[in-house]
Amino acid sequence: ARAELQRAWHEGNISQLELEKLSAELGHVRGILGKTEKEM
């Protein structure tokens, strides 16, 4: 159970990092989209 918990915690950290990365990319895309909408 401890090994499974460590593996799940590691996967959770990876998923959290990926989620943060995706959130940052989404914010960047939203910024670009807002700028594009303003330019449009």
PDB file of all heavy atoms in Angstrom:
ATOM      1  N   ALA A   1       0.829  -1.209   0.000  1.00  0.00           N
ATOM      2  CA  ALA A   1       0.000   0.000   0.000  1.00  0.00           C
ATOM      3  C   ALA A   1       0.861   1.255   0.000  1.00  0.00           C
ATOM      4  O   ALA A   1       0.540   2.251  -0.663  1.00  0.00           O
ATOM      5  CB  ALA A   1      -0.932  -0.006   1.220  1.00  0.00           C
ATOM      6  N   ARG A   2       1.992   1.207   0.735  1.00  0.00           N
ATOM      7  CA  ARG A   2       2.881   2.365   0.760  1.00  0.00           C
ATOM      8  C   ARG A   2       3.495   2.594  -0.626  1.00  0.00           C
ATOM      9  O   ARG A   2       3.605   3.744  -1.082  1.00  0.00           O
ATOM     10  CB  ARG A   2       3.976   2.125   1.798  1.00  0.00           C
ATOM     11  CG  ARG A   2       4.882   3.319   2.044  1.00  0.00           C
ATOM     12  CD  ARG A   2       5.865   2.993   3.142  1.00  0.00           C
ATOM     13  NE  ARG A   2       5.158   2.730   4.391  1.00  0.00           N
ATOM     14  CZ  ARG A   2       5.756   2.248   5.470  1.00  0.00           C
ATOM     15  NH1 ARG A   2       7.053   1.968   5.447  1.00  0.00           N
ATOM     16  NH2 ARG A   2       5.054   2.063   6.569  1.00  0.00           N
ATOM     17  N   ALA A   3       3.887   1.499  -1.301  1.00  0.00           N
ATOM     18  CA  ALA A   3       4.434   1.634  -2.649  1.00  0.00           C
ATOM     19  C   ALA A   3       3.378   2.189  -3.610  1.00  0.00           C
ATOM     20  O   ALA A   3       3.665   3.062  -4.451  1.00  0.00           O
ATOM     21  CB  ALA A   3       4.946   0.279  -3.136  1.00  0.00           C
ATOM     22  N   GLU A   4       2.137   1.677  -3.476  1.00  0.00           N
ATOM     23  CA  GLU A   4       1.060   2.190  -4.322  1.00  0.00           C
ATOM     24  C   GLU A   4       0.791   3.660  -4.045  1.00  0.00           C
ATOM     25  O   GLU A   4       0.543   4.459  -4.964  1.00  0.00           O
ATOM     26  CB  GLU A   4      -0.218   1.369  -4.090  1.00  0.00           C
ATOM     27  CG  GLU A   4      -0.163  -0.048  -4.650  1.00  0.00           C
ATOM     28  CD  GLU A   4      -0.132  -0.048  -6.170  1.00  0.00           C
ATOM     29  OE1 GLU A   4      -0.766   0.850  -6.765  1.00  0.00           O
ATOM     30  OE2 GLU A   4       0.531  -0.927  -6.754  1.00  0.00           O
ATOM     31  N   LEU A   5       0.863   4.034  -2.751  1.00  0.00           N
ATOM     32  CA  LEU A   5       0.637   5.428  -2.393  1.00  0.00           C
ATOM     33  C   LEU A   5       1.735   6.329  -2.955  1.00  0.00           C
ATOM     34  O   LEU A   5       1.448   7.421  -3.478  1.00  0.00           O
ATOM     35  CB  LEU A   5       0.579   5.558  -0.871  1.00  0.00           C
ATOM     36  CG  LEU A   5       0.298   6.971  -0.316  1.00  0.00           C
ATOM     37  CD1 LEU A   5      -1.044   7.471  -0.807  1.00  0.00           C
ATOM     38  CD2 LEU A   5       0.345   6.952   1.196  1.00  0.00           C
ATOM     39  N   GLN A   6       2.987   5.869  -2.876  1.00  0.00           N
ATOM     40  CA  GLN A   6       4.077   6.656  -3.444  1.00  0.00           C
ATOM     41  C   GLN A   6       3.934   6.771  -4.956  1.00  0.00           C
ATOM     42  O   GLN A   6       4.175   7.842  -5.531  1.00  0.00           O
ATOM     43  CB  GLN A   6       5.416   6.006  -3.085  1.00  0.00           C
ATOM     44  CG  GLN A   6       5.776   6.113  -1.614  1.00  0.00           C
ATOM     45  CD  GLN A   6       7.098   5.459  -1.296  1.00  0.00           C
ATOM     46  OE1 GLN A   6       7.714   4.825  -2.172  1.00  0.00           O
ATOM     47  NE2 GLN A   6       7.539   5.575  -0.051  1.00  0.00           N
ATOM     48  N   ARG A   7       3.533   5.656  -5.599  1.00  0.00           N
ATOM     49  CA  ARG A   7       3.357   5.713  -7.046  1.00  0.00           C
ATOM     50  C   ARG A   7       2.215   6.654  -7.424  1.00  0.00           C
ATOM     51  O   ARG A   7       2.337   7.477  -8.340  1.00  0.00           O
ATOM     52  CB  ARG A   7       3.066   4.304  -7.593  1.00  0.00           C
ATOM     53  CG  ARG A   7       2.931   4.243  -9.111  1.00  0.00           C
ATOM     54  CD  ARG A   7       2.682   2.807  -9.545  1.00  0.00           C
ATOM     55  NE  ARG A   7       1.451   2.299  -9.000  1.00  0.00           N
ATOM     56  CZ  ARG A   7       0.263   2.534  -9.556  1.00  0.00           C
ATOM     57  NH1 ARG A   7       0.154   3.276 -10.647  1.00  0.00           N
ATOM     58  NH2 ARG A   7      -0.831   2.030  -9.022  1.00  0.00           N
ATOM     59  N   ALA A   8       1.096   6.563  -6.656  1.00  0.00           N
ATOM     60  CA  ALA A   8      -0.024   7.462  -6.933  1.00  0.00           C
ATOM     61  C   ALA A   8       0.364   8.923  -6.656  1.00  0.00           C
ATOM     62  O   ALA A   8      -0.026   9.838  -7.392  1.00  0.00           O
ATOM     63  CB  ALA A   8      -1.229   7.058  -6.076  1.00  0.00           C
ATOM     64  N   TRP A   9       1.158   9.132  -5.572  1.00  0.00           N
ATOM     65  CA  TRP A   9       1.595  10.494  -5.262  1.00  0.00           C
ATOM     66  C   TRP A   9       2.509  11.027  -6.349  1.00  0.00           C
ATOM     67  O   TRP A   9       2.402  12.194  -6.748  1.00  0.00           O
ATOM     68  CB  TRP A   9       2.312  10.483  -3.922  1.00  0.00           C
ATOM     69  CG  TRP A   9       2.792  11.836  -3.494  1.00  0.00           C
ATOM     70  CD1 TRP A   9       2.050  12.844  -2.966  1.00  0.00           C
ATOM     71  CD2 TRP A   9       4.136  12.316  -3.561  1.00  0.00           C
ATOM     72  NE1 TRP A   9       2.831  13.928  -2.705  1.00  0.00           N
ATOM     73  CE2 TRP A   9       4.131  13.638  -3.059  1.00  0.00           C
ATOM     74  CE3 TRP A   9       5.346  11.784  -3.994  1.00  0.00           C
ATOM     75  CZ2 TRP A   9       5.283  14.411  -2.979  1.00  0.00           C
ATOM     76  CZ3 TRP A   9       6.489  12.550  -3.913  1.00  0.00           C
ATOM     77  CH2 TRP A   9       6.450  13.846  -3.413  1.00  0.00           C
ATOM     78  N   HIS A  10       3.391  10.165  -6.883  1.00  0.00           N
ATOM     79  CA  HIS A  10       4.275  10.582  -7.971  1.00  0.00           C
ATOM     80  C   HIS A  10       3.460  10.896  -9.220  1.00  0.00           C
ATOM     81  O   HIS A  10       3.681  11.929  -9.885  1.00  0.00           O
ATOM     82  CB  HIS A  10       5.290   9.475  -8.246  1.00  0.00           C
ATOM     83  CG  HIS A  10       6.282   9.811  -9.315  1.00  0.00           C
ATOM     84  ND1 HIS A  10       7.230  10.808  -9.167  1.00  0.00           N
ATOM     85  CD2 HIS A  10       6.464   9.297 -10.566  1.00  0.00           C
ATOM     86  CE1 HIS A  10       7.949  10.888 -10.273  1.00  0.00           C
ATOM     87  NE2 HIS A  10       7.512   9.987 -11.132  1.00  0.00           N
ATOM     88  N   GLU A  11       2.512   9.999  -9.528  1.00  0.00           N
ATOM     89  CA  GLU A  11       1.665  10.258 -10.691  1.00  0.00           C
ATOM     90  C   GLU A  11       0.824  11.516 -10.469  1.00  0.00           C
ATOM     91  O   GLU A  11       0.581  12.289 -11.412  1.00  0.00           O
ATOM     92  CB  GLU A  11       0.764   9.055 -10.949  1.00  0.00           C
ATOM     93  CG  GLU A  11       1.517   7.821 -11.428  1.00  0.00           C
ATOM     94  CD  GLU A  11       0.600   6.655 -11.648  1.00  0.00           C
ATOM     95  OE1 GLU A  11      -0.605   6.780 -11.315  1.00  0.00           O
ATOM     96  OE2 GLU A  11       1.061   5.606 -12.152  1.00  0.00           O
ATOM     97  N   GLY A  12       0.359  11.710  -9.222  1.00  0.00           N
ATOM     98  CA  GLY A  12      -0.408  12.917  -8.927  1.00  0.00           C
ATOM     99  C   GLY A  12       0.430  14.173  -9.100  1.00  0.00           C
ATOM    100  O   GLY A  12      -0.053  15.189  -9.605  1.00  0.00           O
ATOM    101  N   ASN A  13       1.706  14.101  -8.675  1.00  0.00           N
ATOM    102  CA  ASN A  13       2.584  15.253  -8.872  1.00  0.00           C
ATOM    103  C   ASN A  13       2.809  15.524 -10.353  1.00  0.00           C
ATOM    104  O   ASN A  13       2.793  16.672 -10.801  1.00  0.00           O
ATOM    105  CB  ASN A  13       3.926  15.013  -8.174  1.00  0.00           C
ATOM    106  CG  ASN A  13       3.797  15.095  -6.665  1.00  0.00           C
ATOM    107  OD1 ASN A  13       2.882  15.736  -6.154  1.00  0.00           O
ATOM    108  ND2 ASN A  13       4.714  14.462  -5.956  1.00  0.00           N
ATOM    109  N   ILE A  14       3.013  14.432 -11.108  1.00  0.00           N
ATOM    110  CA  ILE A  14       3.198  14.609 -12.552  1.00  0.00           C
ATOM    111  C   ILE A  14       1.929  15.194 -13.169  1.00  0.00           C
ATOM    112  O   ILE A  14       1.981  16.122 -13.999  1.00  0.00           O
ATOM    113  CB  ILE A  14       3.570  13.261 -13.199  1.00  0.00           C
ATOM    114  CG1 ILE A  14       4.954  12.806 -12.702  1.00  0.00           C
ATOM    115  CG2 ILE A  14       3.562  13.378 -14.713  1.00  0.00           C
ATOM    116  CD1 ILE A  14       5.364  11.449 -13.208  1.00  0.00           C
ATOM    117  N   SER A  15       0.778  14.654 -12.752  1.00  0.00           N
ATOM    118  CA  SER A  15      -0.486  15.177 -13.289  1.00  0.00           C
ATOM    119  C   SER A  15      -0.678  16.629 -12.879  1.00  0.00           C
ATOM    120  O   SER A  15      -1.162  17.450 -13.675  1.00  0.00           O
ATOM    121  CB  SER A  15      -1.655  14.325 -12.776  1.00  0.00           C
ATOM    122  OG  SER A  15      -1.494  12.976 -13.164  1.00  0.00           O
ATOM    123  N   GLN A  16      -0.276  16.967 -11.638  1.00  0.00           N
ATOM    124  CA  GLN A  16      -0.407  18.356 -11.184  1.00  0.00           C
ATOM    125  C   GLN A  16       0.494  19.269 -11.997  1.00  0.00           C
ATOM    126  O   GLN A  16       0.089  20.381 -12.388  1.00  0.00           O
ATOM    127  CB  GLN A  16      -0.048  18.436  -9.693  1.00  0.00           C
ATOM    128  CG  GLN A  16      -0.246  19.815  -9.080  1.00  0.00           C
ATOM    129  CD  GLN A  16      -1.702  20.209  -8.995  1.00  0.00           C
ATOM    130  OE1 GLN A  16      -2.572  19.346  -8.954  1.00  0.00           O
ATOM    131  NE2 GLN A  16      -1.970  21.510  -8.974  1.00  0.00           N
ATOM    132  N   LEU A  17       1.722  18.800 -12.263  1.00  0.00           N
ATOM    133  CA  LEU A  17       2.638  19.607 -13.086  1.00  0.00           C
ATOM    134  C   LEU A  17       2.090  19.769 -14.497  1.00  0.00           C
ATOM    135  O   LEU A  17       2.126  20.871 -15.078  1.00  0.00           O
ATOM    136  CB  LEU A  17       4.020  18.937 -13.122  1.00  0.00           C
ATOM    137  CG  LEU A  17       4.798  18.936 -11.791  1.00  0.00           C
ATOM    138  CD1 LEU A  17       6.090  18.149 -11.945  1.00  0.00           C
ATOM    139  CD2 LEU A  17       5.095  20.367 -11.351  1.00  0.00           C
ATOM    140  N   GLU A  18       1.578  18.656 -15.043  1.00  0.00           N
ATOM    141  CA  GLU A  18       0.995  18.753 -16.385  1.00  0.00           C
ATOM    142  C   GLU A  18      -0.217  19.679 -16.384  1.00  0.00           C
ATOM    143  O   GLU A  18      -0.415  20.454 -17.333  1.00  0.00           O
ATOM    144  CB  GLU A  18       0.600  17.357 -16.865  1.00  0.00           C
ATOM    145  CG  GLU A  18       1.803  16.449 -17.148  1.00  0.00           C
ATOM    146  CD  GLU A  18       1.375  15.075 -17.596  1.00  0.00           C
ATOM    147  OE1 GLU A  18       0.147  14.807 -17.568  1.00  0.00           O
ATOM    148  OE2 GLU A  18       2.244  14.263 -17.978  1.00  0.00           O
ATOM    149  N   LEU A  19      -1.026  19.590 -15.312  1.00  0.00           N
ATOM    150  CA  LEU A  19      -2.196  20.455 -15.233  1.00  0.00           C
ATOM    151  C   LEU A  19      -1.787  21.923 -15.129  1.00  0.00           C
ATOM    152  O   LEU A  19      -2.387  22.789 -15.789  1.00  0.00           O
ATOM    153  CB  LEU A  19      -3.039  20.051 -14.018  1.00  0.00           C
ATOM    154  CG  LEU A  19      -4.335  20.834 -13.795  1.00  0.00           C
ATOM    155  CD1 LEU A  19      -5.264  20.665 -14.995  1.00  0.00           C
ATOM    156  CD2 LEU A  19      -5.025  20.364 -12.519  1.00  0.00           C
ATOM    157  N   GLU A  20      -0.756  22.182 -14.309  1.00  0.00           N
ATOM    158  CA  GLU A  20      -0.273  23.559 -14.215  1.00  0.00           C
ATOM    159  C   GLU A  20       0.287  24.039 -15.554  1.00  0.00           C
ATOM    160  O   GLU A  20       0.074  25.196 -15.954  1.00  0.00           O
ATOM    161  CB  GLU A  20       0.791  23.646 -13.121  1.00  0.00           C
ATOM    162  CG  GLU A  20       0.237  23.447 -11.709  1.00  0.00           C
ATOM    163  CD  GLU A  20       1.335  23.472 -10.663  1.00  0.00           C
ATOM    164  OE1 GLU A  20       2.530  23.585 -11.077  1.00  0.00           O
ATOM    165  OE2 GLU A  20       1.024  23.389  -9.460  1.00  0.00           O
ATOM    166  N   LYS A  21       0.997  23.145 -16.227  1.00  0.00           N
ATOM    167  CA  LYS A  21       1.543  23.513 -17.537  1.00  0.00           C
ATOM    168  C   LYS A  21       0.425  23.797 -18.533  1.00  0.00           C
ATOM    169  O   LYS A  21       0.465  24.787 -19.280  1.00  0.00           O
ATOM    170  CB  LYS A  21       2.446  22.391 -18.044  1.00  0.00           C
ATOM    171  CG  LYS A  21       3.146  22.707 -19.351  1.00  0.00           C
ATOM    172  CD  LYS A  21       4.048  21.554 -19.748  1.00  0.00           C
ATOM    173  CE  LYS A  21       4.747  21.858 -21.071  1.00  0.00           C
ATOM    174  NZ  LYS A  21       5.623  20.733 -21.490  1.00  0.00           N
ATOM    175  N   LEU A  22      -0.584  22.908 -18.518  1.00  0.00           N
ATOM    176  CA  LEU A  22      -1.718  23.125 -19.420  1.00  0.00           C
ATOM    177  C   LEU A  22      -2.477  24.395 -19.052  1.00  0.00           C
ATOM    178  O   LEU A  22      -2.950  25.120 -19.939  1.00  0.00           O
ATOM    179  CB  LEU A  22      -2.654  21.913 -19.365  1.00  0.00           C
ATOM    180  CG  LEU A  22      -2.102  20.610 -19.961  1.00  0.00           C
ATOM    181  CD1 LEU A  22      -3.084  19.472 -19.744  1.00  0.00           C
ATOM    182  CD2 LEU A  22      -1.822  20.774 -21.460  1.00  0.00           C
ATOM    183  N   SER A  23      -2.593  24.666 -17.737  1.00  0.00           N
ATOM    184  CA  SER A  23      -3.276  25.890 -17.320  1.00  0.00           C
ATOM    185  C   SER A  23      -2.506  27.122 -17.789  1.00  0.00           C
ATOM    186  O   SER A  23      -3.110  28.115 -18.245  1.00  0.00           O
ATOM    187  CB  SER A  23      -3.412  25.909 -15.791  1.00  0.00           C
ATOM    188  OG  SER A  23      -4.214  24.825 -15.342  1.00  0.00           O
ATOM    189  N   ALA A  24      -1.149  27.044 -17.672  1.00  0.00           N
ATOM    190  CA  ALA A  24      -0.346  28.173 -18.158  1.00  0.00           C
ATOM    191  C   ALA A  24      -0.497  28.350 -19.665  1.00  0.00           C
ATOM    192  O   ALA A  24      -0.651  29.479 -20.174  1.00  0.00           O
ATOM    193  CB  ALA A  24       1.118  27.946 -17.783  1.00  0.00           C
ATOM    194  N   GLU A  25      -0.461  27.230 -20.385  1.00  0.00           N
ATOM    195  CA  GLU A  25      -0.639  27.317 -21.839  1.00  0.00           C
ATOM    196  C   GLU A  25      -2.023  27.846 -22.182  1.00  0.00           C
ATOM    197  O   GLU A  25      -2.180  28.646 -23.123  1.00  0.00           O
ATOM    198  CB  GLU A  25      -0.425  25.939 -22.469  1.00  0.00           C
ATOM    199  CG  GLU A  25       1.021  25.455 -22.396  1.00  0.00           C
ATOM    200  CD  GLU A  25       1.188  24.085 -23.001  1.00  0.00           C
ATOM    201  OE1 GLU A  25       0.148  23.493 -23.407  1.00  0.00           O
ATOM    202  OE2 GLU A  25       2.328  23.598 -23.083  1.00  0.00           O
ATOM    203  N   LEU A  26      -3.045  27.394 -21.407  1.00  0.00           N
ATOM    204  CA  LEU A  26      -4.390  27.876 -21.660  1.00  0.00           C
ATOM    205  C   LEU A  26      -4.492  29.375 -21.388  1.00  0.00           C
ATOM    206  O   LEU A  26      -5.130  30.122 -22.164  1.00  0.00           O
ATOM    207  CB  LEU A  26      -5.384  27.111 -20.786  1.00  0.00           C
ATOM    208  CG  LEU A  26      -6.860  27.483 -20.934  1.00  0.00           C
ATOM    209  CD1 LEU A  26      -7.318  27.247 -22.370  1.00  0.00           C
ATOM    210  CD2 LEU A  26      -7.725  26.690 -19.956  1.00  0.00           C
ATOM    211  N   GLY A  27      -3.843  29.836 -20.304  1.00  0.00           N
ATOM    212  CA  GLY A  27      -3.843  31.273 -20.033  1.00  0.00           C
ATOM    213  C   GLY A  27      -3.137  32.057 -21.123  1.00  0.00           C
ATOM    214  O   GLY A  27      -3.600  33.141 -21.531  1.00  0.00           O
ATOM    215  N   HIS A  28      -2.022  31.494 -21.619  1.00  0.00           N
ATOM    216  CA  HIS A  28      -1.306  32.159 -22.716  1.00  0.00           C
ATOM    217  C   HIS A  28      -2.167  32.221 -23.972  1.00  0.00           C
ATOM    218  O   HIS A  28      -2.238  33.262 -24.656  1.00  0.00           O
ATOM    219  CB  HIS A  28      -0.009  31.407 -22.986  1.00  0.00           C
ATOM    220  CG  HIS A  28       0.830  32.003 -24.069  1.00  0.00           C
ATOM    221  ND1 HIS A  28       1.421  33.255 -23.960  1.00  0.00           N
ATOM    222  CD2 HIS A  28       1.156  31.545 -25.313  1.00  0.00           C
ATOM    223  CE1 HIS A  28       2.085  33.528 -25.067  1.00  0.00           C
ATOM    224  NE2 HIS A  28       1.940  32.505 -25.904  1.00  0.00           N
ATOM    225  N   VAL A  29      -2.835  31.089 -24.242  1.00  0.00           N
ATOM    226  CA  VAL A  29      -3.710  31.063 -25.434  1.00  0.00           C
ATOM    227  C   VAL A  29      -4.869  32.030 -25.262  1.00  0.00           C
ATOM    228  O   VAL A  29      -5.272  32.717 -26.219  1.00  0.00           O
ATOM    229  CB  VAL A  29      -4.213  29.621 -25.675  1.00  0.00           C
ATOM    230  CG1 VAL A  29      -5.296  29.598 -26.738  1.00  0.00           C
ATOM    231  CG2 VAL A  29      -3.050  28.724 -26.081  1.00  0.00           C
ATOM    232  N   ARG A  30      -5.400  32.088 -24.024  1.00  0.00           N
ATOM    233  CA  ARG A  30      -6.488  33.050 -23.791  1.00  0.00           C
ATOM    234  C   ARG A  30      -6.011  34.484 -23.977  1.00  0.00           C
ATOM    235  O   ARG A  30      -6.734  35.323 -24.541  1.00  0.00           O
ATOM    236  CB  ARG A  30      -7.034  32.864 -22.383  1.00  0.00           C
ATOM    237  CG  ARG A  30      -7.901  31.622 -22.224  1.00  0.00           C
ATOM    238  CD  ARG A  30      -8.396  31.503 -20.803  1.00  0.00           C
ATOM    239  NE  ARG A  30      -9.281  30.341 -20.642  1.00  0.00           N
ATOM    240  CZ  ARG A  30      -9.802  29.970 -19.486  1.00  0.00           C
ATOM    241  NH1 ARG A  30      -9.507  30.664 -18.373  1.00  0.00           N
ATOM    242  NH2 ARG A  30     -10.585  28.905 -19.425  1.00  0.00           N
ATOM    243  N   GLY A  31      -4.778  34.738 -23.511  1.00  0.00           N
ATOM    244  CA  GLY A  31      -4.235  36.080 -23.711  1.00  0.00           C
ATOM    245  C   GLY A  31      -4.081  36.401 -25.191  1.00  0.00           C
ATOM    246  O   GLY A  31      -4.447  37.501 -25.651  1.00  0.00           O
ATOM    247  N   ILE A  32      -3.556  35.437 -25.929  1.00  0.00           N
ATOM    248  CA  ILE A  32      -3.405  35.646 -27.379  1.00  0.00           C
ATOM    249  C   ILE A  32      -4.767  35.808 -28.038  1.00  0.00           C
ATOM    250  O   ILE A  32      -4.960  36.647 -28.933  1.00  0.00           O
ATOM    251  CB  ILE A  32      -2.621  34.471 -27.991  1.00  0.00           C
ATOM    252  CG1 ILE A  32      -1.184  34.456 -27.454  1.00  0.00           C
ATOM    253  CG2 ILE A  32      -2.618  34.552 -29.509  1.00  0.00           C
ATOM    254  CD1 ILE A  32      -0.385  33.264 -27.896  1.00  0.00           C
ATOM    255  N   LEU A  33      -5.733  34.996 -27.592  1.00  0.00           N
ATOM    256  CA  LEU A  33      -7.076  35.090 -28.166  1.00  0.00           C
ATOM    257  C   LEU A  33      -7.709  36.436 -27.861  1.00  0.00           C
ATOM    258  O   LEU A  33      -8.345  37.059 -28.749  1.00  0.00           O
ATOM    259  CB  LEU A  33      -7.936  33.957 -27.605  1.00  0.00           C
ATOM    260  CG  LEU A  33      -9.366  33.866 -28.138  1.00  0.00           C
ATOM    261  CD1 LEU A  33      -9.355  33.674 -29.657  1.00  0.00           C
ATOM    262  CD2 LEU A  33     -10.130  32.743 -27.465  1.00  0.00           C
ATOM    263  N   GLY A  34      -7.511  36.908 -26.600  1.00  0.00           N
ATOM    264  CA  GLY A  34      -8.056  38.220 -26.272  1.00  0.00           C
ATOM    265  C   GLY A  34      -7.397  39.318 -27.099  1.00  0.00           C
ATOM    266  O   GLY A  34      -8.069  40.250 -27.581  1.00  0.00           O
ATOM    267  N   LYS A  35      -6.080  39.228 -27.255  1.00  0.00           N
ATOM    268  CA  LYS A  35      -5.373  40.216 -28.088  1.00  0.00           C
ATOM    269  C   LYS A  35      -5.831  40.140 -29.529  1.00  0.00           C
ATOM    270  O   LYS A  35      -6.040  41.173 -30.202  1.00  0.00           O
ATOM    271  CB  LYS A  35      -3.874  39.961 -27.990  1.00  0.00           C
ATOM    272  CG  LYS A  35      -3.024  40.994 -28.692  1.00  0.00           C
ATOM    273  CD  LYS A  35      -1.551  40.697 -28.470  1.00  0.00           C
ATOM    274  CE  LYS A  35      -0.686  41.733 -29.191  1.00  0.00           C
ATOM    275  NZ  LYS A  35       0.763  41.459 -29.001  1.00  0.00           N
ATOM    276  N   THR A  36      -6.041  38.902 -30.000  1.00  0.00           N
ATOM    277  CA  THR A  36      -6.517  38.733 -31.383  1.00  0.00           C
ATOM    278  C   THR A  36      -7.914  39.303 -31.548  1.00  0.00           C
ATOM    279  O   THR A  36      -8.233  39.941 -32.570  1.00  0.00           O
ATOM    280  CB  THR A  36      -6.491  37.244 -31.755  1.00  0.00           C
ATOM    281  OG1 THR A  36      -5.159  36.746 -31.558  1.00  0.00           O
ATOM    282  CG2 THR A  36      -6.897  37.034 -33.198  1.00  0.00           C
ATOM    283  N   GLU A  37      -8.777  39.043 -30.536  1.00  0.00           N
ATOM    284  CA  GLU A  37     -10.122  39.600 -30.614  1.00  0.00           C
ATOM    285  C   GLU A  37     -10.083  41.133 -30.622  1.00  0.00           C
ATOM    286  O   GLU A  37     -10.839  41.795 -31.364  1.00  0.00           O
ATOM    287  CB  GLU A  37     -10.949  39.106 -29.431  1.00  0.00           C
ATOM    288  CG  GLU A  37     -11.318  37.620 -29.516  1.00  0.00           C
ATOM    289  CD  GLU A  37     -12.108  37.172 -28.313  1.00  0.00           C
ATOM    290  OE1 GLU A  37     -12.252  37.993 -27.370  1.00  0.00           O
ATOM    291  OE2 GLU A  37     -12.595  36.021 -28.298  1.00  0.00           O
ATOM    292  N   LYS A  38      -9.192  41.696 -29.792  1.00  0.00           N
ATOM    293  CA  LYS A  38      -9.067  43.160 -29.776  1.00  0.00           C
ATOM    294  C   LYS A  38      -8.588  43.684 -31.124  1.00  0.00           C
ATOM    295  O   LYS A  38      -9.114  44.680 -31.648  1.00  0.00           O
ATOM    296  CB  LYS A  38      -8.104  43.559 -28.663  1.00  0.00           C
ATOM    297  CG  LYS A  38      -7.996  45.061 -28.465  1.00  0.00           C
ATOM    298  CD  LYS A  38      -7.085  45.373 -27.289  1.00  0.00           C
ATOM    299  CE  LYS A  38      -6.984  46.888 -27.087  1.00  0.00           C
ATOM    300  NZ  LYS A  38      -6.093  47.232 -25.948  1.00  0.00           N
ATOM    301  N   GLU A  39      -7.585  42.977 -31.678  1.00  0.00           N
ATOM    302  CA  GLU A  39      -7.107  43.395 -33.005  1.00  0.00           C
ATOM    303  C   GLU A  39      -8.206  43.240 -34.054  1.00  0.00           C
ATOM    304  O   GLU A  39      -8.345  44.078 -34.963  1.00  0.00           O
ATOM    305  CB  GLU A  39      -5.883  42.569 -33.390  1.00  0.00           C
ATOM    306  CG  GLU A  39      -4.652  42.880 -32.548  1.00  0.00           C
ATOM    307  CD  GLU A  39      -3.473  42.003 -32.918  1.00  0.00           C
ATOM    308  OE1 GLU A  39      -3.664  41.091 -33.755  1.00  0.00           O
ATOM    309  OE2 GLU A  39      -2.368  42.219 -32.381  1.00  0.00           O
ATOM    310  N   MET A  40      -8.977  42.153 -33.925  1.00  0.00           N
ATOM    311  CA  MET A  40     -10.078  41.969 -34.875  1.00  0.00           C
ATOM    312  C   MET A  40     -11.107  43.091 -34.732  1.00  0.00           C
ATOM    313  O   MET A  40     -11.664  43.574 -35.739  1.00  0.00           O
ATOM    314  CB  MET A  40     -10.745  40.608 -34.639  1.00  0.00           C
ATOM    315  CG  MET A  40      -9.894  39.419 -35.090  1.00  0.00           C
ATOM    316  SD  MET A  40     -10.712  37.840 -34.778  1.00  0.00           S
ATOM    317  CE  MET A  40     -12.157  38.026 -35.802  1.00  0.00           C
TER     318      MET A  40
END
